[in-house]
């Protein structure tokens, strides 16, 4: 049995913030924002660009492109962020209602910016385990830039957080864009490094917290986190990419396209160099920033539009998320002959 990608959809808000605006708010030289952080611009949410709404719009686009009727969808997996229209709310069920997938059942998953890769593995596993599941929709939105304080130097590595939605439709026995194997690594030593320190059960949100700007992402141990990431992060990127390829029967020499999240330019270039890839074998998302777990789907769409991803190509989608989690999945792009 194979599982293939039928179609994808992306929603990007019209509103944007520029490198110059970020530099001004953060009191940084514009060259640092453009060259080191790798941000030319990034989308920010407009008045109606709510997290789940953006995922619904992306899902509708994926359904249109794939010519998928709502009644064909068996399962909906919400891959967007927990920061959404309402707290304690199952977003996938709302998506089910809005797209009219009344024959489906729905649930949410979360692995921060690693969610899409993880959800692709979960969706494929569901189809392997249950022959009645034929078509699965993954969709979600992201706007965690709402939690960024540009005056907080500890969160500078997250100044690239943007906004948008993305979706992917997977189908059993679809002989195109075949999903091969996935590799995921998580490391709990980072689990409480990056958090919103108030608003949970440990410290319920108060008016004073809001006044003091504490309801924002922060880094509780910046020195320790930096030291541990330097020891592990880039190697874990390479480990999951190589692990996914090896499980799929390939090597890094056979990669044609790498759909990788936005990160600082030096880190992006390091991964390409280590894998022996050229700049045109990936797309650097400097005009979008980091839209969380939507980056991989966005990268695939941009690559198709640019002609960087063609039938017969071997693509690897790779992610990293605070927590910390690294993941990669190998996809044989284009049409495949049935064995």
Protein backbone atom coordinates (compact mmCIF):
# COMPACT_ATOMS: atom_id res chain seq x y z
CA UNK A 1 0.00 0.00 0.00
CA UNK A 2 1.20 3.50 -0.82
CA UNK A 3 0.04 6.92 0.33
CA UNK A 4 0.46 9.90 -1.96
CA UNK A 5 -0.03 13.65 -1.76
CA UNK A 6 -3.03 14.62 -3.89
CA UNK A 7 -2.69 18.38 -3.49
CA UNK A 8 -1.64 21.22 -1.22
CA UNK A 9 -3.01 24.65 -0.43
CA UNK A 10 -1.51 27.77 1.12
CA UNK A 11 -3.01 30.97 2.49
CA UNK A 12 -0.74 33.97 3.06
CA UNK A 13 -2.14 37.19 4.60
CA UNK A 14 -1.88 40.32 2.50
CA UNK A 15 -0.42 42.36 5.37
CA UNK A 16 3.35 42.29 5.77
CA UNK A 17 6.05 43.75 7.95
CA UNK A 18 9.43 44.57 6.45
CA UNK A 19 13.02 44.12 7.59
CA UNK A 20 13.24 47.87 8.14
CA UNK A 21 10.19 47.83 10.42
CA UNK A 22 11.53 44.89 12.42
CA UNK A 23 14.92 46.58 12.73
CA UNK A 24 13.30 49.74 14.04
CA UNK A 25 11.13 47.94 16.59
CA UNK A 26 14.03 45.78 17.79
CA UNK A 27 16.62 48.59 17.68
CA UNK A 28 18.84 46.50 15.39
CA UNK A 29 20.84 47.40 12.28
CA UNK A 30 18.80 46.54 9.22
CA UNK A 31 21.68 44.43 7.87
CA UNK A 32 21.38 42.13 10.90
CA UNK A 33 17.70 41.54 10.13
CA UNK A 34 18.22 41.07 6.40
CA UNK A 35 21.53 39.22 6.28
CA UNK A 36 21.92 37.38 9.59
CA UNK A 37 18.27 36.67 10.41
CA UNK A 38 17.44 36.29 6.73
CA UNK A 39 14.24 38.33 6.74
CA UNK A 40 13.28 40.59 3.86
CA UNK A 41 9.63 40.67 4.89
CA UNK A 42 7.10 38.42 6.57
CA UNK A 43 3.29 38.17 6.52
CA UNK A 44 1.36 39.33 9.56
CA UNK A 45 -2.31 38.62 10.26
CA UNK A 46 -5.01 41.03 9.17
CA UNK A 47 -8.24 41.64 11.08
CA UNK A 48 -9.87 38.39 9.95
CA UNK A 49 -6.76 36.21 9.67
CA UNK A 50 -7.45 33.97 12.64
CA UNK A 51 -5.45 30.78 13.05
CA UNK A 52 -8.07 28.17 12.19
CA UNK A 53 -9.70 30.41 9.58
CA UNK A 54 -6.41 30.55 7.66
CA UNK A 55 -6.22 26.75 7.79
CA UNK A 56 -9.76 26.46 6.46
CA UNK A 57 -8.97 28.74 3.52
CA UNK A 58 -5.86 26.70 2.74
CA UNK A 59 -7.87 23.48 2.98
CA UNK A 60 -10.46 24.82 0.55
CA UNK A 61 -7.67 25.69 -1.88
CA UNK A 62 -6.17 22.20 -1.58
CA UNK A 63 -9.60 20.66 -2.22
CA UNK A 64 -10.09 22.86 -5.27
CA UNK A 65 -6.69 21.99 -6.71
CA UNK A 66 -7.10 18.28 -6.03
CA UNK A 67 -10.75 18.20 -7.16
CA UNK A 68 -11.67 16.62 -3.83
CA UNK A 69 -15.30 16.73 -2.71
CA UNK A 70 -15.96 17.21 1.03
CA UNK A 71 -17.75 13.85 1.26
CA UNK A 72 -14.57 12.08 0.07
CA UNK A 73 -12.59 13.11 3.15
CA UNK A 74 -12.46 10.42 5.85
CA UNK A 75 -10.27 12.11 8.49
CA UNK A 76 -9.25 15.69 9.23
CA UNK A 77 -6.10 16.37 11.25
CA UNK A 78 -5.56 19.92 12.50
CA UNK A 79 -1.85 20.74 12.21
CA UNK A 80 -2.02 24.40 13.23
CA UNK A 81 -1.02 26.10 16.44
CA UNK A 82 -2.66 26.04 19.87
CA UNK A 83 -2.82 29.84 19.75
CA UNK A 84 -6.11 30.13 17.90
CA UNK A 85 -9.61 31.60 18.01
CA UNK A 86 -10.50 30.07 21.37
CA UNK A 87 -8.55 28.19 24.06
CA UNK A 88 -9.49 24.58 24.90
CA UNK A 89 -11.08 24.13 21.47
CA UNK A 90 -10.80 21.24 19.01
CA UNK A 91 -10.06 23.09 15.79
CA UNK A 92 -10.33 20.11 13.43
CA UNK A 93 -14.02 19.71 14.21
CA UNK A 94 -14.62 23.34 13.28
CA UNK A 95 -12.76 22.74 10.02
CA UNK A 96 -14.93 19.69 9.36
CA UNK A 97 -18.04 21.83 9.66
CA UNK A 98 -16.75 24.70 7.53
CA UNK A 99 -15.65 22.56 4.61
CA UNK A 100 -18.70 20.31 4.79
CA UNK A 101 -16.82 17.05 5.41
CA UNK A 102 -19.75 15.46 7.23
CA UNK A 103 -18.56 11.89 6.63
CA UNK A 104 -15.19 12.54 8.29
CA UNK A 105 -14.00 12.44 11.87
CA UNK A 106 -11.48 14.96 13.14
CA UNK A 107 -8.82 15.61 15.74
CA UNK A 108 -5.93 17.97 16.57
CA UNK A 109 -2.21 17.17 16.90
CA UNK A 110 0.68 19.32 18.07
CA UNK A 111 4.46 19.21 17.91
CA UNK A 112 5.05 22.94 17.50
CA UNK A 113 6.83 23.63 14.20
CA UNK A 114 7.37 19.89 13.69
CA UNK A 115 3.65 19.17 13.49
CA UNK A 116 3.26 18.77 9.72
CA UNK A 117 5.97 16.12 9.44
CA UNK A 118 4.59 14.25 12.43
CA UNK A 119 1.01 14.48 11.11
CA UNK A 120 2.05 13.05 7.74
CA UNK A 121 3.41 10.02 9.59
CA UNK A 122 0.26 9.74 11.70
CA UNK A 123 -2.02 10.02 8.65
CA UNK A 124 -0.10 7.35 6.74
CA UNK A 125 -0.13 5.08 9.80
CA UNK A 126 -3.90 5.50 10.14
CA UNK A 127 -4.41 4.43 6.54
CA UNK A 128 -2.15 1.41 7.05
CA UNK A 129 -4.05 0.40 10.20
CA UNK A 130 -7.60 1.07 8.98
CA UNK A 131 -8.54 0.13 5.40
CA UNK A 132 -11.72 2.24 5.60
CA UNK A 133 -9.62 5.42 5.75
CA UNK A 134 -8.80 6.46 2.19
CA UNK A 135 -8.45 10.26 2.20
CA UNK A 136 -6.98 12.43 4.96
CA UNK A 137 -6.85 16.23 5.11
CA UNK A 138 -4.08 17.93 7.09
CA UNK A 139 -4.68 21.66 7.61
CA UNK A 140 -3.93 24.45 10.03
CA UNK A 141 -2.88 28.01 10.61
CA UNK A 142 -0.13 29.85 12.43
CA UNK A 143 0.28 33.30 13.94
CA UNK A 144 2.65 32.86 16.88
CA UNK A 145 4.26 36.16 15.93
CA UNK A 146 1.55 37.58 18.20
CA UNK A 147 3.71 36.43 21.11
CA UNK A 148 6.91 38.20 20.09
CA UNK A 149 8.26 41.18 22.02
CA UNK A 150 10.79 42.82 19.73
CA UNK A 151 12.46 44.48 22.70
CA UNK A 152 13.29 41.11 24.27
CA UNK A 153 16.77 40.11 23.06
CA UNK A 154 16.31 36.58 24.44
CA UNK A 155 13.72 35.84 21.74
CA UNK A 156 15.66 37.38 18.86
CA UNK A 157 15.86 34.02 17.06
CA UNK A 158 12.04 34.11 16.83
CA UNK A 159 11.73 37.56 15.26
CA UNK A 160 11.08 35.72 11.99
CA UNK A 161 7.71 34.32 13.13
CA UNK A 162 5.01 35.15 10.59
CA UNK A 163 1.43 34.15 9.81
CA UNK A 164 -0.39 31.95 7.34
CA UNK A 165 -2.20 28.69 6.72
CA UNK A 166 -1.44 25.50 4.81
CA UNK A 167 -3.08 22.21 3.93
CA UNK A 168 -2.24 18.87 2.37
CA UNK A 169 -4.53 16.09 1.16
CA UNK A 170 -3.24 12.51 1.36
CA UNK A 171 -4.83 9.48 -0.26
CA UNK A 172 -4.36 5.73 -0.08
CA UNK A 173 -3.12 4.15 -3.34
CA UNK A 174 -2.54 7.55 -4.93
CA UNK A 175 0.39 6.89 -7.23
CA UNK A 176 1.75 10.45 -7.23
CA UNK A 177 3.97 12.26 -4.75
CA UNK A 178 4.41 9.10 -2.70
CA UNK A 179 5.19 9.53 0.98
CA UNK A 180 8.05 7.25 1.96
CA UNK A 181 9.55 7.08 5.45
CA UNK A 182 9.79 9.54 8.32
CA UNK A 183 12.41 10.13 11.01
CA UNK A 184 11.63 12.16 14.15
CA UNK A 185 13.86 13.07 17.11
CA UNK A 186 12.66 14.80 20.28
CA UNK A 187 14.84 16.01 23.16
CA UNK A 188 13.13 16.84 26.46
CA UNK A 189 16.15 18.66 27.84
CA UNK A 190 14.80 21.68 25.93
CA UNK A 191 11.17 21.23 26.97
CA UNK A 192 10.93 24.25 29.27
CA UNK A 193 13.44 26.54 27.57
CA UNK A 194 10.96 28.45 25.39
CA UNK A 195 7.55 29.10 26.94
CA UNK A 196 4.91 31.72 27.55
CA UNK A 197 5.59 32.00 31.30
CA UNK A 198 2.09 33.04 32.36
CA UNK A 199 -1.43 31.93 31.44
CA UNK A 200 -1.11 28.26 32.38
CA UNK A 201 -1.88 26.35 35.57
CA UNK A 202 1.54 27.16 37.06
CA UNK A 203 0.88 30.90 36.86
CA UNK A 204 -2.62 31.89 35.82
CA UNK A 205 -2.89 35.07 33.78
CA UNK A 206 -3.50 38.31 35.68
CA UNK A 207 -4.14 41.90 34.65
CA UNK A 208 -0.72 42.78 36.02
CA UNK A 209 0.92 40.16 33.79
CA UNK A 210 -0.74 41.71 30.75
CA UNK A 211 0.32 45.21 31.76
CA UNK A 212 3.91 44.01 32.19
CA UNK A 213 3.96 42.25 28.82
CA UNK A 214 4.56 38.80 30.31
CA UNK A 215 2.04 37.05 28.05
CA UNK A 216 4.74 36.63 25.43
CA UNK A 217 7.19 33.94 24.39
CA UNK A 218 10.35 34.01 26.46
CA UNK A 219 13.52 31.97 26.95
CA UNK A 220 13.98 30.92 30.57
CA UNK A 221 17.58 29.69 30.21
CA UNK A 222 19.08 31.49 27.20
CA UNK A 223 22.71 30.59 27.93
CA UNK A 224 22.01 26.93 28.61
CA UNK A 225 19.72 26.61 25.61
CA UNK A 226 22.25 28.18 23.27
CA UNK A 227 24.98 25.84 24.49
CA UNK A 228 22.81 22.73 24.12
CA UNK A 229 21.49 23.76 20.70
CA UNK A 230 25.01 24.35 19.41
CA UNK A 231 25.87 20.82 20.47
CA UNK A 232 22.80 19.15 19.02
CA UNK A 233 20.65 21.15 16.62
CA UNK A 234 22.49 20.99 13.30
CA UNK A 235 23.49 17.38 13.84
CA UNK A 236 19.87 16.46 14.60
CA UNK A 237 18.76 18.17 11.38
CA UNK A 238 21.20 15.99 9.46
CA UNK A 239 20.30 12.89 11.49
CA UNK A 240 16.57 13.06 10.68
CA UNK A 241 17.21 13.82 7.00
CA UNK A 242 19.65 10.94 6.63
CA UNK A 243 17.46 8.65 8.73
CA UNK A 244 14.39 9.32 6.61
CA UNK A 245 16.37 8.74 3.43
CA UNK A 246 17.95 5.53 4.70
CA UNK A 247 14.58 4.08 5.74
CA UNK A 248 13.27 4.99 2.27
CA UNK A 249 16.17 3.28 0.47
CA UNK A 250 18.02 6.42 -0.62
CA UNK A 251 21.05 8.51 0.31
CA UNK A 252 21.63 12.24 0.56
CA UNK A 253 23.35 12.19 -2.83
CA UNK A 254 19.95 11.44 -4.38
CA UNK A 255 18.12 14.45 -2.93
CA UNK A 256 16.72 16.73 -5.62
CA UNK A 257 14.88 19.21 -3.38
CA UNK A 258 14.97 20.06 0.33
CA UNK A 259 11.83 21.74 1.74
CA UNK A 260 13.25 23.25 4.90
CA UNK A 261 11.87 25.69 7.44
CA UNK A 262 13.05 29.29 7.56
CA UNK A 263 15.97 29.84 9.93
CA UNK A 264 18.96 32.14 10.00
CA UNK A 265 20.83 32.16 6.73
CA UNK A 266 24.04 30.64 8.06
CA UNK A 267 22.17 27.61 9.45
CA UNK A 268 20.28 27.13 6.18
CA UNK A 269 23.51 27.25 4.18
CA UNK A 270 25.23 24.85 6.61
CA UNK A 271 22.58 22.18 6.08
CA UNK A 272 22.80 22.53 2.29
CA UNK A 273 26.60 22.32 2.35
CA UNK A 274 26.63 19.27 4.59
CA UNK A 275 24.24 17.48 2.25
CA UNK A 276 26.11 18.53 -0.87
CA UNK A 277 23.15 20.54 -2.19
CA UNK A 278 23.16 23.73 -4.23
CA UNK A 279 21.10 26.85 -3.57
CA UNK A 280 18.59 25.97 -6.28
CA UNK A 281 17.81 22.67 -4.56
CA UNK A 282 16.00 24.54 -1.80
CA UNK A 283 14.14 27.84 -1.44
CA UNK A 284 15.11 30.27 1.29
CA UNK A 285 11.92 31.76 2.70
CA UNK A 286 13.29 35.27 3.28
CA UNK A 287 10.10 36.91 1.96
CA UNK A 288 7.91 34.88 4.33
CA UNK A 289 9.90 34.37 7.52
CA UNK A 290 8.99 31.31 9.58
CA UNK A 291 5.31 30.36 9.41
CA UNK A 292 5.87 27.48 11.78
CA UNK A 293 4.81 24.05 10.55
CA UNK A 294 3.42 25.60 7.36
CA UNK A 295 6.94 26.18 5.98
CA UNK A 296 7.34 22.76 4.36
CA UNK A 297 4.06 22.95 2.43
CA UNK A 298 4.82 26.53 1.39
CA UNK A 299 8.30 25.50 0.22
CA UNK A 300 6.89 22.66 -1.88
CA UNK A 301 4.40 24.99 -3.57
CA UNK A 302 7.05 27.63 -4.28
CA UNK A 303 9.36 24.96 -5.68
CA UNK A 304 6.69 23.65 -8.03
CA UNK A 305 5.92 27.16 -9.24
CA UNK A 306 9.62 27.87 -9.82
CA UNK A 307 10.27 24.57 -11.59
CA UNK A 308 12.61 23.39 -8.81
CA UNK A 309 10.47 20.32 -8.04
CA UNK A 310 9.59 18.09 -10.98
CA UNK A 311 8.20 14.63 -11.70
CA UNK A 312 10.68 11.97 -10.66
CA UNK A 313 12.45 14.18 -8.11
CA UNK A 314 13.29 12.99 -4.62
CA UNK A 315 12.19 15.57 -2.05
CA UNK A 316 12.86 15.70 1.67
CA UNK A 317 10.68 17.85 3.92
CA UNK A 318 12.45 18.80 7.16
CA UNK A 319 11.35 20.65 10.29
CA UNK A 320 12.43 21.69 13.76
CA UNK A 321 10.26 22.91 16.61
CA UNK A 322 10.83 24.27 20.07
CA UNK A 323 10.52 21.59 22.67
CA UNK A 324 12.75 20.42 20.89
CA UNK A 325 11.72 18.26 17.93
CA UNK A 326 13.34 17.57 14.57
CA UNK A 327 11.64 15.66 11.77
CA UNK A 328 12.03 14.72 8.12
CA UNK A 329 9.99 12.80 5.56
CA UNK A 330 11.06 11.63 2.12
CA UNK A 331 8.66 12.01 -0.81
CA UNK A 332 9.04 10.60 -4.33
CA UNK A 333 7.60 13.45 -6.34
CA UNK A 334 5.43 13.12 -9.41
CA UNK A 335 3.76 10.11 -11.00
CA UNK A 336 4.94 6.61 -10.17
CA UNK A 337 4.20 3.40 -11.99
CA UNK A 338 2.16 0.93 -9.99
CA UNK A 339 4.16 -2.13 -9.13
